[in-house]
């Protein structure tokens, strides 16, 4: 940043100091979800502990249906359900608003109504977050776009371990790096490591189904 600009706009340094931690926070969230573990945290979507639920037969591309949500919930490791949250890309919200479980007549021959699967925030859920199956729904840009694997994740984040250097974000300012050019340098450093506690999924005691505290949905292309 040029010294002239810093002199002319007194609040600019304050703006930088406010915005930089937000950008770092985004990068940390992205690494926790999608990191490959090479010089960065191992993300949930890259973990061998991840369960990925198959799409429905003949399911249209770029959709999410109630059966997807039901099957994802059923693959969540049961003790983790009370802590789990739904992480979504904001692109999928229109899919959730219209999602219902069909109610049939006594004969079971036709639909006569529907039960909402998704409850918007501050509505029937009486919660600051929307809910799916009673668990909070949190939009984040760390998730993939609608239709791609990883556009929705049901996760118990208490089963993800991370460590940061004491002191959090380190901030440094120097006039010396580009002293001859009349430029001030800002530097922000944060050290973090992380990976899921689980090394793999767990199999049911009696059966072939696997469970995990991290469940996503296969690509729907």
C-alpha atoms as a PDB file:
ATOM      1  CA  UNK A   1       0.000   0.000   0.000  1.00  0.00           C
ATOM      2  CA  UNK A   2       1.496   3.355  -0.974  1.00  0.00           C
ATOM      3  CA  UNK A   3       2.315   5.684   1.886  1.00  0.00           C
ATOM      4  CA  UNK A   4       0.485   8.485   0.105  1.00  0.00           C
ATOM      5  CA  UNK A   5      -2.709   6.441   0.044  1.00  0.00           C
ATOM      6  CA  UNK A   6      -2.382   5.598   3.727  1.00  0.00           C
ATOM      7  CA  UNK A   7      -1.853   9.278   4.512  1.00  0.00           C
ATOM      8  CA  UNK A   8      -4.804  10.420   2.403  1.00  0.00           C
ATOM      9  CA  UNK A   9      -7.273   7.764   3.594  1.00  0.00           C
ATOM     10  CA  UNK A  10      -6.872   7.535   7.351  1.00  0.00           C
ATOM     11  CA  UNK A  11      -9.326   4.634   7.760  1.00  0.00           C
ATOM     12  CA  UNK A  12      -7.683   2.437   5.111  1.00  0.00           C
ATOM     13  CA  UNK A  13      -5.367   0.621   7.534  1.00  0.00           C
ATOM     14  CA  UNK A  14      -8.357  -0.078   9.789  1.00  0.00           C
ATOM     15  CA  UNK A  15     -10.256  -1.458   6.790  1.00  0.00           C
ATOM     16  CA  UNK A  16      -7.359  -3.776   5.885  1.00  0.00           C
ATOM     17  CA  UNK A  17      -7.058  -5.004   9.469  1.00  0.00           C
ATOM     18  CA  UNK A  18     -10.772  -5.796   9.486  1.00  0.00           C
ATOM     19  CA  UNK A  19     -10.998  -7.454   6.073  1.00  0.00           C
ATOM     20  CA  UNK A  20      -7.858  -9.616   6.212  1.00  0.00           C
ATOM     21  CA  UNK A  21      -9.061 -11.816   9.121  1.00  0.00           C
ATOM     22  CA  UNK A  22     -12.334 -12.410   7.257  1.00  0.00           C
ATOM     23  CA  UNK A  23     -10.444 -13.591   4.180  1.00  0.00           C
ATOM     24  CA  UNK A  24      -8.296 -15.857   6.336  1.00  0.00           C
ATOM     25  CA  UNK A  25     -11.424 -17.238   7.993  1.00  0.00           C
ATOM     26  CA  UNK A  26     -12.805 -18.116   4.540  1.00  0.00           C
ATOM     27  CA  UNK A  27      -9.555 -19.862   3.571  1.00  0.00           C
ATOM     28  CA  UNK A  28      -9.537 -21.848   6.823  1.00  0.00           C
ATOM     29  CA  UNK A  29     -13.146 -22.973   6.324  1.00  0.00           C
ATOM     30  CA  UNK A  30     -12.358 -23.962   2.740  1.00  0.00           C
ATOM     31  CA  UNK A  31      -9.361 -26.016   3.871  1.00  0.00           C
ATOM     32  CA  UNK A  32     -11.370 -27.793   6.580  1.00  0.00           C
ATOM     33  CA  UNK A  33     -13.974 -28.801   4.002  1.00  0.00           C
ATOM     34  CA  UNK A  34     -11.868 -29.362   0.875  1.00  0.00           C
ATOM     35  CA  UNK A  35      -8.176 -29.365   1.852  1.00  0.00           C
ATOM     36  CA  UNK A  36      -5.998 -32.119   0.372  1.00  0.00           C
ATOM     37  CA  UNK A  37      -3.695 -32.479   3.390  1.00  0.00           C
ATOM     38  CA  UNK A  38      -0.561 -31.421   1.484  1.00  0.00           C
ATOM     39  CA  UNK A  39       0.738 -28.324   3.250  1.00  0.00           C
ATOM     40  CA  UNK A  40      -2.792 -27.658   4.453  1.00  0.00           C
ATOM     41  CA  UNK A  41      -5.449 -29.364   6.598  1.00  0.00           C
ATOM     42  CA  UNK A  42      -6.994 -32.600   5.345  1.00  0.00           C
ATOM     43  CA  UNK A  43     -10.532 -31.597   4.471  1.00  0.00           C
ATOM     44  CA  UNK A  44     -13.665 -33.565   5.252  1.00  0.00           C
ATOM     45  CA  UNK A  45     -14.500 -34.138   1.574  1.00  0.00           C
ATOM     46  CA  UNK A  46     -11.019 -35.606   1.023  1.00  0.00           C
ATOM     47  CA  UNK A  47     -11.153 -37.865   4.078  1.00  0.00           C
ATOM     48  CA  UNK A  48     -11.380 -41.683   3.869  1.00  0.00           C
ATOM     49  CA  UNK A  49     -13.941 -41.398   6.672  1.00  0.00           C
ATOM     50  CA  UNK A  50     -16.439 -39.694   4.346  1.00  0.00           C
ATOM     51  CA  UNK A  51     -19.654 -41.508   3.388  1.00  0.00           C
ATOM     52  CA  UNK A  52     -21.071 -40.485   0.004  1.00  0.00           C
ATOM     53  CA  UNK A  53     -24.708 -41.378  -0.668  1.00  0.00           C
ATOM     54  CA  UNK A  54     -25.696 -42.382  -4.212  1.00  0.00           C
ATOM     55  CA  UNK A  55     -28.276 -40.367  -6.123  1.00  0.00           C
ATOM     56  CA  UNK A  56     -31.744 -41.784  -6.746  1.00  0.00           C
ATOM     57  CA  UNK A  57     -32.487 -43.824  -9.860  1.00  0.00           C
ATOM     58  CA  UNK A  58     -33.421 -41.471 -12.731  1.00  0.00           C
ATOM     59  CA  UNK A  59     -32.821 -38.437 -10.522  1.00  0.00           C
ATOM     60  CA  UNK A  60     -32.577 -35.289 -12.631  1.00  0.00           C
ATOM     61  CA  UNK A  61     -29.275 -33.472 -12.900  1.00  0.00           C
ATOM     62  CA  UNK A  62     -28.584 -30.629 -10.464  1.00  0.00           C
ATOM     63  CA  UNK A  63     -31.332 -31.553  -8.017  1.00  0.00           C
ATOM     64  CA  UNK A  64     -31.686 -32.595  -4.400  1.00  0.00           C
ATOM     65  CA  UNK A  65     -34.745 -34.618  -3.409  1.00  0.00           C
ATOM     66  CA  UNK A  66     -36.225 -35.623  -0.061  1.00  0.00           C
ATOM     67  CA  UNK A  67     -34.975 -39.204  -0.438  1.00  0.00           C
ATOM     68  CA  UNK A  68     -31.393 -37.888  -0.647  1.00  0.00           C
ATOM     69  CA  UNK A  69     -31.786 -36.113   2.682  1.00  0.00           C
ATOM     70  CA  UNK A  70     -33.419 -39.119   4.339  1.00  0.00           C
ATOM     71  CA  UNK A  71     -30.626 -41.451   3.225  1.00  0.00           C
ATOM     72  CA  UNK A  72     -27.900 -39.016   4.263  1.00  0.00           C
ATOM     73  CA  UNK A  73     -29.455 -38.746   7.713  1.00  0.00           C
ATOM     74  CA  UNK A  74     -29.646 -42.539   8.016  1.00  0.00           C
ATOM     75  CA  UNK A  75     -25.914 -42.881   7.252  1.00  0.00           C
ATOM     76  CA  UNK A  76     -24.894 -40.435   9.970  1.00  0.00           C
ATOM     77  CA  UNK A  77     -23.271 -42.237  12.911  1.00  0.00           C
ATOM     78  CA  UNK A  78     -26.134 -42.211  15.420  1.00  0.00           C
ATOM     79  CA  UNK A  79     -24.267 -40.714  18.427  1.00  0.00           C
ATOM     80  CA  UNK A  80     -23.192 -37.819  16.186  1.00  0.00           C
ATOM     81  CA  UNK A  81     -26.697 -36.808  15.128  1.00  0.00           C
ATOM     82  CA  UNK A  82     -27.225 -34.565  18.141  1.00  0.00           C
ATOM     83  CA  UNK A  83     -24.163 -32.498  17.162  1.00  0.00           C
ATOM     84  CA  UNK A  84     -24.401 -32.629  13.371  1.00  0.00           C
ATOM     85  CA  UNK A  85     -25.179 -29.667  11.110  1.00  0.00           C
ATOM     86  CA  UNK A  86     -26.000 -29.401   7.421  1.00  0.00           C
ATOM     87  CA  UNK A  87     -23.436 -27.382   5.474  1.00  0.00           C
ATOM     88  CA  UNK A  88     -24.736 -26.295   2.073  1.00  0.00           C
ATOM     89  CA  UNK A  89     -23.893 -24.156  -0.904  1.00  0.00           C
ATOM     90  CA  UNK A  90     -26.416 -21.335  -1.060  1.00  0.00           C
ATOM     91  CA  UNK A  91     -27.288 -22.480  -4.607  1.00  0.00           C
ATOM     92  CA  UNK A  92     -29.274 -25.412  -3.233  1.00  0.00           C
ATOM     93  CA  UNK A  93     -31.679 -23.387  -1.067  1.00  0.00           C
ATOM     94  CA  UNK A  94     -34.419 -23.238  -3.760  1.00  0.00           C
ATOM     95  CA  UNK A  95     -34.353 -27.053  -3.818  1.00  0.00           C
ATOM     96  CA  UNK A  96     -34.917 -27.166  -0.071  1.00  0.00           C
ATOM     97  CA  UNK A  97     -37.760 -24.637   0.041  1.00  0.00           C
ATOM     98  CA  UNK A  98     -40.041 -26.891  -2.023  1.00  0.00           C
ATOM     99  CA  UNK A  99     -38.937 -30.218  -0.526  1.00  0.00           C
ATOM    100  CA  UNK A 100     -41.692 -32.367   1.003  1.00  0.00           C
ATOM    101  CA  UNK A 101     -42.452 -35.933   2.011  1.00  0.00           C
ATOM    102  CA  UNK A 102     -45.620 -36.960   0.175  1.00  0.00           C
ATOM    103  CA  UNK A 103     -48.736 -37.886   2.168  1.00  0.00           C
ATOM    104  CA  UNK A 104     -50.923 -40.493   0.448  1.00  0.00           C
ATOM    105  CA  UNK A 105     -54.563 -41.412   0.869  1.00  0.00           C
ATOM    106  CA  UNK A 106     -55.619 -44.482   2.859  1.00  0.00           C
ATOM    107  CA  UNK A 107     -55.463 -46.658  -0.232  1.00  0.00           C
ATOM    108  CA  UNK A 108     -51.979 -45.383  -0.984  1.00  0.00           C
ATOM    109  CA  UNK A 109     -52.939 -44.620  -4.572  1.00  0.00           C
ATOM    110  CA  UNK A 110     -52.486 -40.852  -4.720  1.00  0.00           C
ATOM    111  CA  UNK A 111     -50.795 -37.968  -2.964  1.00  0.00           C
ATOM    112  CA  UNK A 112     -53.132 -35.853  -0.848  1.00  0.00           C
ATOM    113  CA  UNK A 113     -50.607 -33.555   0.773  1.00  0.00           C
ATOM    114  CA  UNK A 114     -47.050 -33.142   1.915  1.00  0.00           C
ATOM    115  CA  UNK A 115     -44.942 -32.628   5.019  1.00  0.00           C
ATOM    116  CA  UNK A 116     -42.166 -30.012   4.737  1.00  0.00           C
ATOM    117  CA  UNK A 117     -38.670 -31.403   5.159  1.00  0.00           C
ATOM    118  CA  UNK A 118     -37.007 -27.986   5.384  1.00  0.00           C
ATOM    119  CA  UNK A 119     -38.024 -25.371   7.959  1.00  0.00           C
ATOM    120  CA  UNK A 120     -36.777 -21.817   7.252  1.00  0.00           C
ATOM    121  CA  UNK A 121     -35.067 -19.804   9.966  1.00  0.00           C
ATOM    122  CA  UNK A 122     -37.313 -18.061  12.504  1.00  0.00           C
ATOM    123  CA  UNK A 123     -40.339 -19.859  11.077  1.00  0.00           C
ATOM    124  CA  UNK A 124     -41.809 -23.089  12.411  1.00  0.00           C
ATOM    125  CA  UNK A 125     -38.340 -24.081  13.582  1.00  0.00           C
ATOM    126  CA  UNK A 126     -38.172 -21.054  15.942  1.00  0.00           C
ATOM    127  CA  UNK A 127     -34.427 -21.104  15.340  1.00  0.00           C
ATOM    128  CA  UNK A 128     -31.915 -18.561  13.993  1.00  0.00           C
ATOM    129  CA  UNK A 129     -30.955 -21.278  11.495  1.00  0.00           C
ATOM    130  CA  UNK A 130     -33.129 -23.161   9.053  1.00  0.00           C
ATOM    131  CA  UNK A 131     -33.389 -26.863   9.888  1.00  0.00           C
ATOM    132  CA  UNK A 132     -33.465 -30.226   8.124  1.00  0.00           C
ATOM    133  CA  UNK A 133     -34.591 -33.145  10.267  1.00  0.00           C
ATOM    134  CA  UNK A 134     -34.255 -30.818  13.244  1.00  0.00           C
ATOM    135  CA  UNK A 135     -30.581 -29.993  12.624  1.00  0.00           C
ATOM    136  CA  UNK A 136     -29.267 -26.527  11.650  1.00  0.00           C
ATOM    137  CA  UNK A 137     -28.629 -25.647   7.999  1.00  0.00           C
ATOM    138  CA  UNK A 138     -25.631 -23.361   7.449  1.00  0.00           C
ATOM    139  CA  UNK A 139     -24.849 -21.909   3.995  1.00  0.00           C
ATOM    140  CA  UNK A 140     -21.135 -21.573   3.243  1.00  0.00           C
ATOM    141  CA  UNK A 141     -19.072 -20.837   0.144  1.00  0.00           C
ATOM    142  CA  UNK A 142     -16.764 -23.697   1.106  1.00  0.00           C
ATOM    143  CA  UNK A 143     -19.286 -26.118  -0.427  1.00  0.00           C
ATOM    144  CA  UNK A 144     -19.527 -27.041  -4.119  1.00  0.00           C
ATOM    145  CA  UNK A 145     -22.228 -25.740  -6.445  1.00  0.00           C
ATOM    146  CA  UNK A 146     -25.582 -27.506  -6.907  1.00  0.00           C
ATOM    147  CA  UNK A 147     -25.264 -30.934  -8.500  1.00  0.00           C
ATOM    148  CA  UNK A 148     -21.594 -31.489  -7.688  1.00  0.00           C
ATOM    149  CA  UNK A 149     -20.425 -33.900  -5.015  1.00  0.00           C
ATOM    150  CA  UNK A 150     -20.004 -31.800  -1.889  1.00  0.00           C
ATOM    151  CA  UNK A 151     -22.818 -29.297  -2.463  1.00  0.00           C
ATOM    152  CA  UNK A 152     -24.334 -30.556   0.803  1.00  0.00           C
ATOM    153  CA  UNK A 153     -22.616 -32.117   3.807  1.00  0.00           C
ATOM    154  CA  UNK A 154     -24.102 -33.520   7.011  1.00  0.00           C
ATOM    155  CA  UNK A 155     -21.266 -33.246   9.503  1.00  0.00           C
ATOM    156  CA  UNK A 156     -20.514 -33.584  13.194  1.00  0.00           C
ATOM    157  CA  UNK A 157     -17.735 -31.013  13.365  1.00  0.00           C
ATOM    158  CA  UNK A 158     -16.763 -32.118  16.878  1.00  0.00           C
ATOM    159  CA  UNK A 159     -15.212 -35.121  15.102  1.00  0.00           C
ATOM    160  CA  UNK A 160     -12.778 -32.870  13.230  1.00  0.00           C
ATOM    161  CA  UNK A 161      -9.590 -31.976  15.088  1.00  0.00           C
ATOM    162  CA  UNK A 162      -7.674 -28.785  14.406  1.00  0.00           C
ATOM    163  CA  UNK A 163      -4.802 -26.973  16.052  1.00  0.00           C
ATOM    164  CA  UNK A 164      -3.767 -23.360  15.654  1.00  0.00           C
ATOM    165  CA  UNK A 165      -0.674 -21.575  16.865  1.00  0.00           C
ATOM    166  CA  UNK A 166      -1.274 -19.719  20.128  1.00  0.00           C
ATOM    167  CA  UNK A 167      -2.129 -16.106  19.459  1.00  0.00           C
ATOM    168  CA  UNK A 168      -4.164 -16.764  16.332  1.00  0.00           C
ATOM    169  CA  UNK A 169      -3.497 -14.449  13.401  1.00  0.00           C
ATOM    170  CA  UNK A 170      -0.159 -12.657  13.513  1.00  0.00           C
ATOM    171  CA  UNK A 171      -0.135  -9.230  11.920  1.00  0.00           C
ATOM    172  CA  UNK A 172       2.987  -7.343  10.845  1.00  0.00           C
ATOM    173  CA  UNK A 173       3.460  -3.982   9.165  1.00  0.00           C
ATOM    174  CA  UNK A 174       6.728  -2.867   7.584  1.00  0.00           C
ATOM    175  CA  UNK A 175       7.904   0.276   5.817  1.00  0.00           C
ATOM    176  CA  UNK A 176      11.296  -1.325   5.115  1.00  0.00           C
ATOM    177  CA  UNK A 177      10.473  -4.029   2.548  1.00  0.00           C
ATOM    178  CA  UNK A 178       9.768  -1.517  -0.219  1.00  0.00           C
ATOM    179  CA  UNK A 179      11.218   1.538   1.493  1.00  0.00           C
ATOM    180  CA  UNK A 180      12.673   2.965  -1.751  1.00  0.00           C
ATOM    181  CA  UNK A 181       9.253   2.769  -3.384  1.00  0.00           C
ATOM    182  CA  UNK A 182       7.392   4.582  -0.587  1.00  0.00           C
ATOM    183  CA  UNK A 183       5.220   1.498   0.005  1.00  0.00           C
ATOM    184  CA  UNK A 184       4.063  -0.046   3.304  1.00  0.00           C
ATOM    185  CA  UNK A 185       3.707  -3.842   3.484  1.00  0.00           C
ATOM    186  CA  UNK A 186       1.032  -5.622   5.518  1.00  0.00           C
ATOM    187  CA  UNK A 187       1.470  -9.293   6.430  1.00  0.00           C
ATOM    188  CA  UNK A 188      -0.998 -11.657   8.085  1.00  0.00           C
ATOM    189  CA  UNK A 189       0.067 -15.165   9.152  1.00  0.00           C
ATOM    190  CA  UNK A 190      -2.004 -17.973  10.670  1.00  0.00           C
ATOM    191  CA  UNK A 191      -0.723 -21.479  11.358  1.00  0.00           C
ATOM    192  CA  UNK A 192      -3.295 -24.257  11.406  1.00  0.00           C
ATOM    193  CA  UNK A 193      -3.399 -28.032  10.982  1.00  0.00           C
ATOM    194  CA  UNK A 194      -6.392 -30.328  10.988  1.00  0.00           C
ATOM    195  CA  UNK A 195      -7.970 -33.613   9.960  1.00  0.00           C
ATOM    196  CA  UNK A 196     -10.937 -35.789  10.946  1.00  0.00           C
ATOM    197  CA  UNK A 197     -10.539 -37.849  14.106  1.00  0.00           C
ATOM    198  CA  UNK A 198     -11.880 -40.830  12.154  1.00  0.00           C
ATOM    199  CA  UNK A 199      -9.445 -42.708   9.897  1.00  0.00           C
ATOM    200  CA  UNK A 200     -12.263 -44.501   8.061  1.00  0.00           C
ATOM    201  CA  UNK A 201     -15.978 -45.258   8.209  1.00  0.00           C
ATOM    202  CA  UNK A 202     -17.430 -47.721  10.712  1.00  0.00           C
ATOM    203  CA  UNK A 203     -19.400 -50.810   9.665  1.00  0.00           C
ATOM    204  CA  UNK A 204     -22.646 -51.845  11.304  1.00  0.00           C
ATOM    205  CA  UNK A 205     -22.296 -54.665  13.851  1.00  0.00           C
ATOM    206  CA  UNK A 206     -24.778 -56.725  11.896  1.00  0.00           C
ATOM    207  CA  UNK A 207     -24.824 -55.856   8.209  1.00  0.00           C
ATOM    208  CA  UNK A 208     -22.807 -54.189   5.483  1.00  0.00           C
ATOM    209  CA  UNK A 209     -23.925 -50.572   5.913  1.00  0.00           C
ATOM    210  CA  UNK A 210     -21.215 -48.094   6.867  1.00  0.00           C
ATOM    211  CA  UNK A 211     -21.663 -44.994   9.004  1.00  0.00           C
ATOM    212  CA  UNK A 212     -19.680 -41.828   9.580  1.00  0.00           C
ATOM    213  CA  UNK A 213     -19.915 -38.410  11.245  1.00  0.00           C
ATOM    214  CA  UNK A 214     -19.384 -36.972   7.738  1.00  0.00           C
ATOM    215  CA  UNK A 215     -21.957 -37.685   5.016  1.00  0.00           C
ATOM    216  CA  UNK A 216     -22.266 -36.091   1.579  1.00  0.00           C
ATOM    217  CA  UNK A 217     -24.153 -36.742  -1.662  1.00  0.00           C
ATOM    218  CA  UNK A 218     -22.749 -38.099  -4.931  1.00  0.00           C
ATOM    219  CA  UNK A 219     -22.645 -35.958  -8.056  1.00  0.00           C
ATOM    220  CA  UNK A 220     -25.966 -35.537  -9.880  1.00  0.00           C
ATOM    221  CA  UNK A 221     -24.938 -34.703 -13.452  1.00  0.00           C
END
